[in-house]
Every structure is written in structure tokens, then in C-alpha cells.
PDB file of N, CA and C in Angstrom:
ATOM      1  N   MET A   1     197.750 133.595-159.023  1.00  0.00           N
ATOM      2  CA  MET A   1     198.627 132.463-158.811  1.00  0.00           C
ATOM      3  C   MET A   1     199.987 132.970-158.355  1.00  0.00           C
ATOM      4  N   GLU A   2     200.463 132.428-157.267  1.00  0.00           N
ATOM      5  CA  GLU A   2     201.729 132.871-156.709  1.00  0.00           C
ATOM      6  C   GLU A   2     202.901 132.242-157.453  1.00  0.00           C
ATOM      7  N   ILE A   3     204.015 132.931-157.421  1.00  0.00           N
ATOM      8  CA  ILE A   3     205.203 132.433-158.109  1.00  0.00           C
ATOM      9  C   ILE A   3     205.750 131.177-157.422  1.00  0.00           C
ATOM     10  N   ALA A   4     205.567 131.072-156.093  1.00  0.00           N
ATOM     11  CA  ALA A   4     206.040 129.886-155.378  1.00  0.00           C
ATOM     12  C   ALA A   4     205.273 128.647-155.815  1.00  0.00           C
ATOM     13  N   THR A   5     203.986 128.804-156.082  1.00  0.00           N
ATOM     14  CA  THR A   5     203.175 127.675-156.531  1.00  0.00           C
ATOM     15  C   THR A   5     203.627 127.202-157.905  1.00  0.00           C
ATOM     16  N   VAL A   6     203.925 128.136-158.795  1.00  0.00           N
ATOM     17  CA  VAL A   6     204.395 127.788-160.134  1.00  0.00           C
ATOM     18  C   VAL A   6     205.759 127.107-160.046  1.00  0.00           C
ATOM     19  N   PHE A   7     206.629 127.627-159.174  1.00  0.00           N
ATOM     20  CA  PHE A   7     207.953 127.024-159.014  1.00  0.00           C
ATOM     21  C   PHE A   7     207.847 125.613-158.450  1.00  0.00           C
ATOM     22  N   ASP A   8     206.981 125.409-157.464  1.00  0.00           N
ATOM     23  CA  ASP A   8     206.801 124.069-156.896  1.00  0.00           C
ATOM     24  C   ASP A   8     206.267 123.096-157.936  1.00  0.00           C
ATOM     25  N   PHE A   9     205.332 123.553-158.758  1.00  0.00           N
ATOM     26  CA  PHE A   9     204.793 122.687-159.808  1.00  0.00           C
ATOM     27  C   PHE A   9     205.872 122.325-160.824  1.00  0.00           C
ATOM     28  N   ALA A  10     206.695 123.306-161.196  1.00  0.00           N
ATOM     29  CA  ALA A  10     207.773 123.042-162.155  1.00  0.00           C
ATOM     30  C   ALA A  10     208.799 122.073-161.558  1.00  0.00           C
ATOM     31  N   LEU A  11     209.127 122.249-160.281  1.00  0.00           N
ATOM     32  CA  LEU A  11     210.072 121.348-159.621  1.00  0.00           C
ATOM     33  C   LEU A  11     209.501 119.937-159.539  1.00  0.00           C
ATOM     34  N   ASP A  12     208.230 119.830-159.203  1.00  0.00           N
ATOM     35  CA  ASP A  12     207.591 118.510-159.155  1.00  0.00           C
ATOM     36  C   ASP A  12     207.577 117.852-160.529  1.00  0.00           C
ATOM     37  N   THR A  13     207.359 118.646-161.563  1.00  0.00           N
ATOM     38  CA  THR A  13     207.350 118.105-162.921  1.00  0.00           C
ATOM     39  C   THR A  13     208.736 117.600-163.315  1.00  0.00           C
ATOM     40  N   VAL A  14     209.766 118.358-162.989  1.00  0.00           N
ATOM     41  CA  VAL A  14     211.136 117.936-163.310  1.00  0.00           C
ATOM     42  C   VAL A  14     211.496 116.668-162.531  1.00  0.00           C
ATOM     43  N   ILE A  15     211.118 116.608-161.258  1.00  0.00           N
ATOM     44  CA  ILE A  15     211.385 115.412-160.453  1.00  0.00           C
ATOM     45  C   ILE A  15     210.672 114.208-161.050  1.00  0.00           C
ATOM     46  N   PHE A  16     209.430 114.396-161.492  1.00  0.00           N
ATOM     47  CA  PHE A  16     208.678 113.293-162.089  1.00  0.00           C
ATOM     48  C   PHE A  16     209.335 112.814-163.381  1.00  0.00           C
ATOM     49  N   VAL A  17     209.751 113.742-164.231  1.00  0.00           N
ATOM     50  CA  VAL A  17     210.367 113.372-165.511  1.00  0.00           C
ATOM     51  C   VAL A  17     211.697 112.647-165.282  1.00  0.00           C
ATOM     52  N   VAL A  18     212.514 113.155-164.379  1.00  0.00           N
ATOM     53  CA  VAL A  18     213.804 112.506-164.099  1.00  0.00           C
ATOM     54  C   VAL A  18     213.582 111.143-163.451  1.00  0.00           C
ATOM     55  N   GLY A  19     212.593 111.043-162.574  1.00  0.00           N
ATOM     56  CA  GLY A  19     212.283 109.756-161.951  1.00  0.00           C
ATOM     57  C   GLY A  19     211.802 108.732-162.954  1.00  0.00           C
ATOM     58  N   MET A  20     210.939 109.149-163.874  1.00  0.00           N
ATOM     59  CA  MET A  20     210.465 108.225-164.902  1.00  0.00           C
ATOM     60  C   MET A  20     211.599 107.816-165.840  1.00  0.00           C
ATOM     61  N   THR A  21     212.506 108.742-166.123  1.00  0.00           N
ATOM     62  CA  THR A  21     213.669 108.402-166.940  1.00  0.00           C
ATOM     63  C   THR A  21     214.547 107.379-166.224  1.00  0.00           C
ATOM     64  N   ALA A  22     214.692 107.526-164.914  1.00  0.00           N
ATOM     65  CA  ALA A  22     215.464 106.547-164.139  1.00  0.00           C
ATOM     66  C   ALA A  22     214.796 105.177-164.179  1.00  0.00           C
ATOM     67  N   VAL A  23     213.473 105.151-164.080  1.00  0.00           N
ATOM     68  CA  VAL A  23     212.749 103.875-164.139  1.00  0.00           C
ATOM     69  C   VAL A  23     212.907 103.239-165.516  1.00  0.00           C
ATOM     70  N   LEU A  24     212.789 104.040-166.575  1.00  0.00           N
ATOM     71  CA  LEU A  24     212.939 103.502-167.929  1.00  0.00           C
ATOM     72  C   LEU A  24     214.360 103.000-168.179  1.00  0.00           C
ATOM     73  N   ALA A  25     215.348 103.714-167.647  1.00  0.00           N
ATOM     74  CA  ALA A  25     216.732 103.251-167.802  1.00  0.00           C
ATOM     75  C   ALA A  25     216.955 101.946-167.048  1.00  0.00           C
ATOM     76  N   SER A  26     216.344 101.811-165.877  1.00  0.00           N
ATOM     77  CA  SER A  26     216.500 100.550-165.141  1.00  0.00           C
ATOM     78  C   SER A  26     215.783  99.408-165.851  1.00  0.00           C
ATOM     79  N   LEU A  27     214.661  99.697-166.496  1.00  0.00           N
ATOM     80  CA  LEU A  27     214.007  98.672-167.309  1.00  0.00           C
ATOM     81  C   LEU A  27     214.877  98.284-168.499  1.00  0.00           C
ATOM     82  N   GLY A  28     215.586  99.259-169.064  1.00  0.00           N
ATOM     83  CA  GLY A  28     216.517  98.960-170.144  1.00  0.00           C
ATOM     84  C   GLY A  28     217.629  98.035-169.691  1.00  0.00           C
ATOM     85  N   VAL A  29     218.085  98.204-168.448  1.00  0.00           N
ATOM     86  CA  VAL A  29     219.116  97.314-167.901  1.00  0.00           C
ATOM     87  C   VAL A  29     218.587  95.890-167.812  1.00  0.00           C
ATOM     88  N   ILE A  30     217.352  95.749-167.381  1.00  0.00           N
ATOM     89  CA  ILE A  30     216.785  94.415-167.184  1.00  0.00           C
ATOM     90  C   ILE A  30     216.445  93.747-168.511  1.00  0.00           C
ATOM     91  N   LEU A  31     215.885  94.496-169.444  1.00  0.00           N
ATOM     92  CA  LEU A  31     215.343  93.904-170.661  1.00  0.00           C
ATOM     93  C   LEU A  31     216.332  93.807-171.816  1.00  0.00           C
ATOM     94  N   CYS A  32     217.450  94.504-171.747  1.00  0.00           N
ATOM     95  CA  CYS A  32     218.410  94.504-172.849  1.00  0.00           C
ATOM     96  C   CYS A  32     219.239  93.222-172.825  1.00  0.00           C
ATOM     97  N   SER A  33     219.511  92.688-174.013  1.00  0.00           N
ATOM     98  CA  SER A  33     220.272  91.436-174.070  1.00  0.00           C
ATOM     99  C   SER A  33     221.762  91.657-174.327  1.00  0.00           C
ATOM    100  N   SER A  34     222.159  92.835-174.724  1.00  0.00           N
ATOM    101  CA  SER A  34     223.568  93.125-174.960  1.00  0.00           C
ATOM    102  C   SER A  34     224.201  93.682-173.678  1.00  0.00           C
ATOM    103  N   PRO A  35     225.290  93.092-173.199  1.00  0.00           N
ATOM    104  CA  PRO A  35     225.916  93.581-171.962  1.00  0.00           C
ATOM    105  C   PRO A  35     226.409  95.019-172.065  1.00  0.00           C
ATOM    106  N   LEU A  36     226.867  95.422-173.240  1.00  0.00           N
ATOM    107  CA  LEU A  36     227.343  96.783-173.413  1.00  0.00           C
ATOM    108  C   LEU A  36     226.205  97.776-173.260  1.00  0.00           C
ATOM    109  N   TYR A  37     225.081  97.498-173.885  1.00  0.00           N
ATOM    110  CA  TYR A  37     223.930  98.387-173.756  1.00  0.00           C
ATOM    111  C   TYR A  37     223.371  98.382-172.337  1.00  0.00           C
ATOM    112  N   CYS A  38     223.438  97.231-171.673  1.00  0.00           N
ATOM    113  CA  CYS A  38     223.005  97.166-170.269  1.00  0.00           C
ATOM    114  C   CYS A  38     223.850  98.097-169.406  1.00  0.00           C
ATOM    115  N   ALA A  39     225.151  98.095-169.627  1.00  0.00           N
ATOM    116  CA  ALA A  39     226.032  98.968-168.857  1.00  0.00           C
ATOM    117  C   ALA A  39     225.745 100.436-169.163  1.00  0.00           C
ATOM    118  N   LEU A  40     225.456 100.747-170.419  1.00  0.00           N
ATOM    119  CA  LEU A  40     225.132 102.133-170.767  1.00  0.00           C
ATOM    120  C   LEU A  40     223.807 102.566-170.155  1.00  0.00           C
ATOM    121  N   TYR A  41     222.831 101.674-170.139  1.00  0.00           N
ATOM    122  CA  TYR A  41     221.567 101.988-169.459  1.00  0.00           C
ATOM    123  C   TYR A  41     221.796 102.200-167.963  1.00  0.00           C
ATOM    124  N   LEU A  42     222.682 101.415-167.380  1.00  0.00           N
ATOM    125  CA  LEU A  42     222.976 101.560-165.958  1.00  0.00           C
ATOM    126  C   LEU A  42     223.663 102.891-165.673  1.00  0.00           C
ATOM    127  N   ILE A  43     224.532 103.337-166.562  1.00  0.00           N
ATOM    128  CA  ILE A  43     225.147 104.657-166.412  1.00  0.00           C
ATOM    129  C   ILE A  43     224.075 105.739-166.480  1.00  0.00           C
ATOM    130  N   GLY A  44     223.139 105.608-167.431  1.00  0.00           N
ATOM    131  CA  GLY A  44     222.040 106.567-167.519  1.00  0.00           C
ATOM    132  C   GLY A  44     221.194 106.585-166.262  1.00  0.00           C
ATOM    133  N   HIS A  45     220.951 105.406-165.693  1.00  0.00           N
ATOM    134  CA  HIS A  45     220.180 105.324-164.452  1.00  0.00           C
ATOM    135  C   HIS A  45     220.915 106.016-163.307  1.00  0.00           C
ATOM    136  N   MET A  46     222.222 105.804-163.221  1.00  0.00           N
ATOM    137  CA  MET A  46     222.990 106.428-162.145  1.00  0.00           C
ATOM    138  C   MET A  46     223.048 107.942-162.296  1.00  0.00           C
ATOM    139  N   ILE A  47     223.093 108.423-163.526  1.00  0.00           N
ATOM    140  CA  ILE A  47     223.071 109.869-163.747  1.00  0.00           C
ATOM    141  C   ILE A  47     221.716 110.443-163.348  1.00  0.00           C
ATOM    142  N   CYS A  48     220.642 109.728-163.650  1.00  0.00           N
ATOM    143  CA  CYS A  48     219.310 110.181-163.221  1.00  0.00           C
ATOM    144  C   CYS A  48     219.206 110.211-161.700  1.00  0.00           C
ATOM    145  N   LEU A  49     219.800 109.227-161.032  1.00  0.00           N
ATOM    146  CA  LEU A  49     219.799 109.244-159.569  1.00  0.00           C
ATOM    147  C   LEU A  49     220.575 110.441-159.034  1.00  0.00           C
ATOM    148  N   ALA A  50     221.685 110.769-159.674  1.00  0.00           N
ATOM    149  CA  ALA A  50     222.450 111.941-159.250  1.00  0.00           C
ATOM    150  C   ALA A  50     221.633 113.217-159.450  1.00  0.00           C
ATOM    151  N   LEU A  51     220.883 113.289-160.543  1.00  0.00           N
ATOM    152  CA  LEU A  51     220.015 114.449-160.751  1.00  0.00           C
ATOM    153  C   LEU A  51     218.926 114.528-159.690  1.00  0.00           C
ATOM    154  N   LEU A  52     218.376 113.388-159.305  1.00  0.00           N
ATOM    155  CA  LEU A  52     217.377 113.391-158.229  1.00  0.00           C
ATOM    156  C   LEU A  52     217.995 113.847-156.910  1.00  0.00           C
ATOM    157  N   PHE A  53     219.225 113.417-156.631  1.00  0.00           N
ATOM    158  CA  PHE A  53     219.903 113.898-155.428  1.00  0.00           C
ATOM    159  C   PHE A  53     220.070 115.415-155.473  1.00  0.00           C
ATOM    160  N   LEU A  54     220.428 115.946-156.641  1.00  0.00           N
ATOM    161  CA  LEU A  54     220.561 117.401-156.772  1.00  0.00           C
ATOM    162  C   LEU A  54     219.233 118.111-156.562  1.00  0.00           C
ATOM    163  N   LEU A  55     218.170 117.547-157.100  1.00  0.00           N
ATOM    164  CA  LEU A  55     216.857 118.177-156.956  1.00  0.00           C
ATOM    165  C   LEU A  55     216.361 118.150-155.514  1.00  0.00           C
ATOM    166  N   TYR A  56     216.827 117.190-154.734  1.00  0.00           N
ATOM    167  CA  TYR A  56     216.462 117.122-153.317  1.00  0.00           C
ATOM    168  C   TYR A  56     217.518 117.758-152.414  1.00  0.00           C
ATOM    169  N   ASN A  57     218.388 118.585-152.991  1.00  0.00           N
ATOM    170  CA  ASN A  57     219.409 119.357-152.270  1.00  0.00           C
ATOM    171  C   ASN A  57     220.409 118.479-151.521  1.00  0.00           C
ATOM    172  N   ALA A  58     220.788 117.370-152.110  1.00  0.00           N
ATOM    173  CA  ALA A  58     221.830 116.508-151.548  1.00  0.00           C
ATOM    174  C   ALA A  58     223.009 116.524-152.520  1.00  0.00           C
ATOM    175  N   GLU A  59     223.705 117.653-152.543  1.00  0.00           N
ATOM    176  CA  GLU A  59     224.759 117.860-153.531  1.00  0.00           C
ATOM    177  C   GLU A  59     225.919 116.887-153.354  1.00  0.00           C
ATOM    178  N   PHE A  60     226.294 116.622-152.101  1.00  0.00           N
ATOM    179  CA  PHE A  60     227.416 115.713-151.858  1.00  0.00           C
ATOM    180  C   PHE A  60     227.120 114.315-152.392  1.00  0.00           C
ATOM    181  N   LEU A  61     225.917 113.829-152.138  1.00  0.00           N
ATOM    182  CA  LEU A  61     225.551 112.504-152.644  1.00  0.00           C
ATOM    183  C   LEU A  61     225.543 112.474-154.170  1.00  0.00           C
ATOM    184  N   ALA A  62     225.111 113.564-154.790  1.00  0.00           N
ATOM    185  CA  ALA A  62     225.099 113.624-156.254  1.00  0.00           C
ATOM    186  C   ALA A  62     226.516 113.550-156.813  1.00  0.00           C
ATOM    187  N   VAL A  63     227.428 114.281-156.199  1.00  0.00           N
ATOM    188  CA  VAL A  63     228.818 114.270-156.668  1.00  0.00           C
ATOM    189  C   VAL A  63     229.447 112.894-156.456  1.00  0.00           C
ATOM    190  N   VAL A  64     229.195 112.289-155.308  1.00  0.00           N
ATOM    191  CA  VAL A  64     229.727 110.952-155.041  1.00  0.00           C
ATOM    192  C   VAL A  64     229.134 109.939-156.013  1.00  0.00           C
ATOM    193  N   GLN A  65     227.848 110.069-156.306  1.00  0.00           N
ATOM    194  CA  GLN A  65     227.183 109.162-157.254  1.00  0.00           C
ATOM    195  C   GLN A  65     227.849 109.238-158.629  1.00  0.00           C
ATOM    196  N   ILE A  66     228.123 110.442-159.087  1.00  0.00           N
ATOM    197  CA  ILE A  66     228.733 110.617-160.410  1.00  0.00           C
ATOM    198  C   ILE A  66     230.187 110.148-160.409  1.00  0.00           C
ATOM    199  N   ILE A  67     230.958 110.588-159.422  1.00  0.00           N
ATOM    200  CA  ILE A  67     232.390 110.280-159.435  1.00  0.00           C
ATOM    201  C   ILE A  67     232.649 108.797-159.181  1.00  0.00           C
ATOM    202  N   VAL A  68     232.036 108.251-158.144  1.00  0.00           N
ATOM    203  CA  VAL A  68     232.355 106.880-157.749  1.00  0.00           C
ATOM    204  C   VAL A  68     231.636 105.871-158.623  1.00  0.00           C
ATOM    205  N   TYR A  69     230.321 105.967-158.703  1.00  0.00           N
ATOM    206  CA  TYR A  69     229.569 104.918-159.381  1.00  0.00           C
ATOM    207  C   TYR A  69     229.561 105.098-160.896  1.00  0.00           C
ATOM    208  N   ALA A  70     229.052 106.220-161.385  1.00  0.00           N
ATOM    209  CA  ALA A  70     228.975 106.411-162.833  1.00  0.00           C
ATOM    210  C   ALA A  70     230.359 106.605-163.433  1.00  0.00           C
ATOM    211  N   GLY A  71     231.287 107.130-162.662  1.00  0.00           N
ATOM    212  CA  GLY A  71     232.624 107.347-163.181  1.00  0.00           C
ATOM    213  C   GLY A  71     233.497 106.119-163.110  1.00  0.00           C
ATOM    214  N   ALA A  72     233.858 105.733-161.913  1.00  0.00           N
ATOM    215  CA  ALA A  72     234.864 104.682-161.747  1.00  0.00           C
ATOM    216  C   ALA A  72     234.314 103.278-161.954  1.00  0.00           C
ATOM    217  N   VAL A  73     233.259 102.936-161.251  1.00  0.00           N
ATOM    218  CA  VAL A  73     232.758 101.562-161.289  1.00  0.00           C
ATOM    219  C   VAL A  73     232.229 101.208-162.672  1.00  0.00           C
ATOM    220  N   MET A  74     231.471 102.092-163.288  1.00  0.00           N
ATOM    221  CA  MET A  74     230.884 101.771-164.586  1.00  0.00           C
ATOM    222  C   MET A  74     231.931 101.746-165.691  1.00  0.00           C
ATOM    223  N   ILE A  75     232.946 102.579-165.610  1.00  0.00           N
ATOM    224  CA  ILE A  75     234.027 102.502-166.592  1.00  0.00           C
ATOM    225  C   ILE A  75     234.759 101.171-166.449  1.00  0.00           C
ATOM    226  N   LEU A  76     234.943 100.713-165.214  1.00  0.00           N
ATOM    227  CA  LEU A  76     235.536  99.391-164.994  1.00  0.00           C
ATOM    228  C   LEU A  76     234.662  98.301-165.602  1.00  0.00           C
ATOM    229  N   PHE A  77     233.340  98.377-165.409  1.00  0.00           N
ATOM    230  CA  PHE A  77     232.426  97.412-166.020  1.00  0.00           C
ATOM    231  C   PHE A  77     232.545  97.431-167.537  1.00  0.00           C
ATOM    232  N   LEU A  78     232.608  98.615-168.132  1.00  0.00           N
ATOM    233  CA  LEU A  78     232.709  98.712-169.590  1.00  0.00           C
ATOM    234  C   LEU A  78     234.019  98.113-170.095  1.00  0.00           C
ATOM    235  N   PHE A  79     235.120  98.338-169.380  1.00  0.00           N
ATOM    236  CA  PHE A  79     236.388  97.741-169.780  1.00  0.00           C
ATOM    237  C   PHE A  79     236.334  96.222-169.693  1.00  0.00           C
ATOM    238  N   ILE A  80     235.714  95.695-168.651  1.00  0.00           N
ATOM    239  CA  ILE A  80     235.606  94.241-168.511  1.00  0.00           C
ATOM    240  C   ILE A  80     234.741  93.663-169.620  1.00  0.00           C
ATOM    241  N   ILE A  81     233.641  94.324-169.933  1.00  0.00           N
ATOM    242  CA  ILE A  81     232.768  93.851-171.015  1.00  0.00           C
ATOM    243  C   ILE A  81     233.514  93.883-172.343  1.00  0.00           C
ATOM    244  N   ALA A  82     234.270  94.956-172.584  1.00  0.00           N
ATOM    245  CA  ALA A  82     235.034  95.047-173.826  1.00  0.00           C
ATOM    246  C   ALA A  82     236.132  93.985-173.869  1.00  0.00           C
ATOM    247  N   LEU A  83     236.747  93.700-172.733  1.00  0.00           N
ATOM    248  CA  LEU A  83     237.805  92.695-172.682  1.00  0.00           C
ATOM    249  C   LEU A  83     237.257  91.292-172.918  1.00  0.00           C
ATOM    250  N   LEU A  84     236.110  90.994-172.341  1.00  0.00           N
ATOM    251  CA  LEU A  84     235.517  89.668-172.494  1.00  0.00           C
ATOM    252  C   LEU A  84     234.724  89.522-173.782  1.00  0.00           C
ATOM    253  N   GLY A  85     234.553  90.594-174.516  1.00  0.00           N
ATOM    254  CA  GLY A  85     233.797  90.528-175.763  1.00  0.00           C
ATOM    255  C   GLY A  85     232.318  90.344-175.500  1.00  0.00           C
ATOM    256  N   GLY A  86     231.694  91.351-174.948  1.00  0.00           N
ATOM    257  CA  GLY A  86     230.291  91.271-174.560  1.00  0.00           C
ATOM    258  C   GLY A  86     229.390  90.885-175.705  1.00  0.00           C
ATOM    259  N   LYS A  87     229.098  89.605-175.790  1.00  0.00           N
ATOM    260  CA  LYS A  87     228.264  89.092-176.874  1.00  0.00           C
ATOM    261  C   LYS A  87     226.806  89.137-176.469  1.00  0.00           C
ATOM    262  N   LYS A  88     225.984  89.282-177.463  1.00  0.00           N
ATOM    263  CA  LYS A  88     224.551  89.321-177.225  1.00  0.00           C
ATOM    264  C   LYS A  88     224.064  87.926-176.852  1.00  0.00           C
ATOM    265  N   GLU A  89     223.294  87.860-175.787  1.00  0.00           N
ATOM    266  CA  GLU A  89     222.774  86.574-175.349  1.00  0.00           C
ATOM    267  C   GLU A  89     221.481  86.256-176.080  1.00  0.00           C
ATOM    268  N   VAL A  90     221.312  85.001-176.389  1.00  0.00           N
ATOM    269  CA  VAL A  90     220.078  84.555-177.025  1.00  0.00           C
ATOM    270  C   VAL A  90     219.060  84.320-175.924  1.00  0.00           C
ATOM    271  N   GLN A  91     217.934  85.001-176.049  1.00  0.00           N
ATOM    272  CA  GLN A  91     216.889  84.856-175.045  1.00  0.00           C
ATOM    273  C   GLN A  91     215.730  84.097-175.642  1.00  0.00           C
ATOM    274  N   GLU A  92     215.230  83.189-174.872  1.00  0.00           N
ATOM    275  CA  GLU A  92     214.058  82.460-175.329  1.00  0.00           C
ATOM    276  C   GLU A  92     212.811  83.246-174.949  1.00  0.00           C
ATOM    277  N   ASN A  93     211.770  83.010-175.659  1.00  0.00           N
ATOM    278  CA  ASN A  93     210.514  83.682-175.367  1.00  0.00           C
ATOM    279  C   ASN A  93     209.910  83.023-174.135  1.00  0.00           C
ATOM    280  N   SER A  94     210.127  83.633-172.990  1.00  0.00           N
ATOM    281  CA  SER A  94     209.745  83.001-171.730  1.00  0.00           C
ATOM    282  C   SER A  94     208.564  83.697-171.062  1.00  0.00           C
ATOM    283  N   PHE A  95     207.739  84.373-171.837  1.00  0.00           N
ATOM    284  CA  PHE A  95     206.581  85.045-171.255  1.00  0.00           C
ATOM    285  C   PHE A  95     205.418  84.060-171.249  1.00  0.00           C
ATOM    286  N   HIS A  96     205.289  83.355-170.166  1.00  0.00           N
ATOM    287  CA  HIS A  96     204.254  82.339-170.042  1.00  0.00           C
ATOM    288  C   HIS A  96     203.172  82.832-169.087  1.00  0.00           C
ATOM    289  N   ARG A  97     202.278  81.945-168.756  1.00  0.00           N
ATOM    290  CA  ARG A  97     201.203  82.297-167.829  1.00  0.00           C
ATOM    291  C   ARG A  97     201.741  82.684-166.463  1.00  0.00           C
ATOM    292  N   SER A  98     202.801  82.037-166.037  1.00  0.00           N
ATOM    293  CA  SER A  98     203.349  82.359-164.717  1.00  0.00           C
ATOM    294  C   SER A  98     203.884  83.786-164.675  1.00  0.00           C
ATOM    295  N   MET A  99     204.477  84.244-165.772  1.00  0.00           N
ATOM    296  CA  MET A  99     204.952  85.622-165.828  1.00  0.00           C
ATOM    297  C   MET A  99     203.782  86.595-165.813  1.00  0.00           C
ATOM    298  N   ALA A 100     202.729  86.278-166.545  1.00  0.00           N
ATOM    299  CA  ALA A 100     201.546  87.134-166.552  1.00  0.00           C
ATOM    300  C   ALA A 100     200.912  87.169-165.163  1.00  0.00           C
ATOM    301  N   PHE A 101     200.849  86.019-164.504  1.00  0.00           N
ATOM    302  CA  PHE A 101     200.299  85.966-163.153  1.00  0.00           C
ATOM    303  C   PHE A 101     201.155  86.788-162.191  1.00  0.00           C
ATOM    304  N   ALA A 102     202.469  86.687-162.305  1.00  0.00           N
ATOM    305  CA  ALA A 102     203.363  87.454-161.438  1.00  0.00           C
ATOM    306  C   ALA A 102     203.203  88.948-161.681  1.00  0.00           C
ATOM    307  N   PHE A 103     203.042  89.337-162.935  1.00  0.00           N
ATOM    308  CA  PHE A 103     202.849  90.753-163.251  1.00  0.00           C
ATOM    309  C   PHE A 103     201.553  91.270-162.653  1.00  0.00           C
ATOM    310  N   VAL A 104     200.468  90.530-162.812  1.00  0.00           N
ATOM    311  CA  VAL A 104     199.176  90.950-162.263  1.00  0.00           C
ATOM    312  C   VAL A 104     199.226  90.946-160.739  1.00  0.00           C
ATOM    313  N   PHE A 105     199.902  89.964-160.152  1.00  0.00           N
ATOM    314  CA  PHE A 105     199.999  89.868-158.699  1.00  0.00           C
ATOM    315  C   PHE A 105     200.761  91.051-158.115  1.00  0.00           C
ATOM    316  N   THR A 106     201.777  91.550-158.816  1.00  0.00           N
ATOM    317  CA  THR A 106     202.541  92.685-158.303  1.00  0.00           C
ATOM    318  C   THR A 106     201.758  93.977-158.355  1.00  0.00           C
ATOM    319  N   LEU A 107     200.774  94.054-159.226  1.00  0.00           N
ATOM    320  CA  LEU A 107     199.954  95.264-159.273  1.00  0.00           C
ATOM    321  C   LEU A 107     199.032  95.305-158.090  1.00  0.00           C
TER     322      LEU A 107
END
């Protein structure tokens, strides 16, 4: 087994893990009812995107992603949420047949 093959497999594994973490963080943004936690999940998602940019050798995009989006914009969002008193929203149980049909249809 060549060392390049092992390195490629390890790189693919890291890309897969970071990508799945980004997907889970984005699901946390959608499914979380607290605005503060949604913003924190979004910061985690943006950091995962920056890591993916680094893994694909796009260093400039990774730095811009961290500085502009995860740094400035998300801190502004957190300040606004803290200023407005980000209260937890009451969600009704809205998982009906139409949601199940939409989920199956997307697969």
C-alpha cells in the first residue's frame, strides 16, 4: 500500500467528517427554537465551511469566511439577539402527513 493512497484516504475521511459536521450544524440552525443557539450553530457551520475551504486549498476563502462571516456578521447577530432578548419560541407539533410526504418526496 502506497503512502499516497493512505494520505488520500485520510484526507477524504477528514473532508467527510467536517462535511457531516457542517450538515449537522445547519440542521441545528433549522431545528433549534432558541435564537441564541441558532446563531451559535450557524457560527459552527461557518467554521466547518472554512475548514472545508482549507482542505480544498482555498486559504483566502477560508480566512475571509472566518473574519467576515463568523467574525463580524455573527457577532453582530449575537449582539442583536442579546439586545432584543432572544426568547425561545413555542413550536407546535407540525409533523403531519404533508411533512412526511415532502420528506419521502425529497429522497
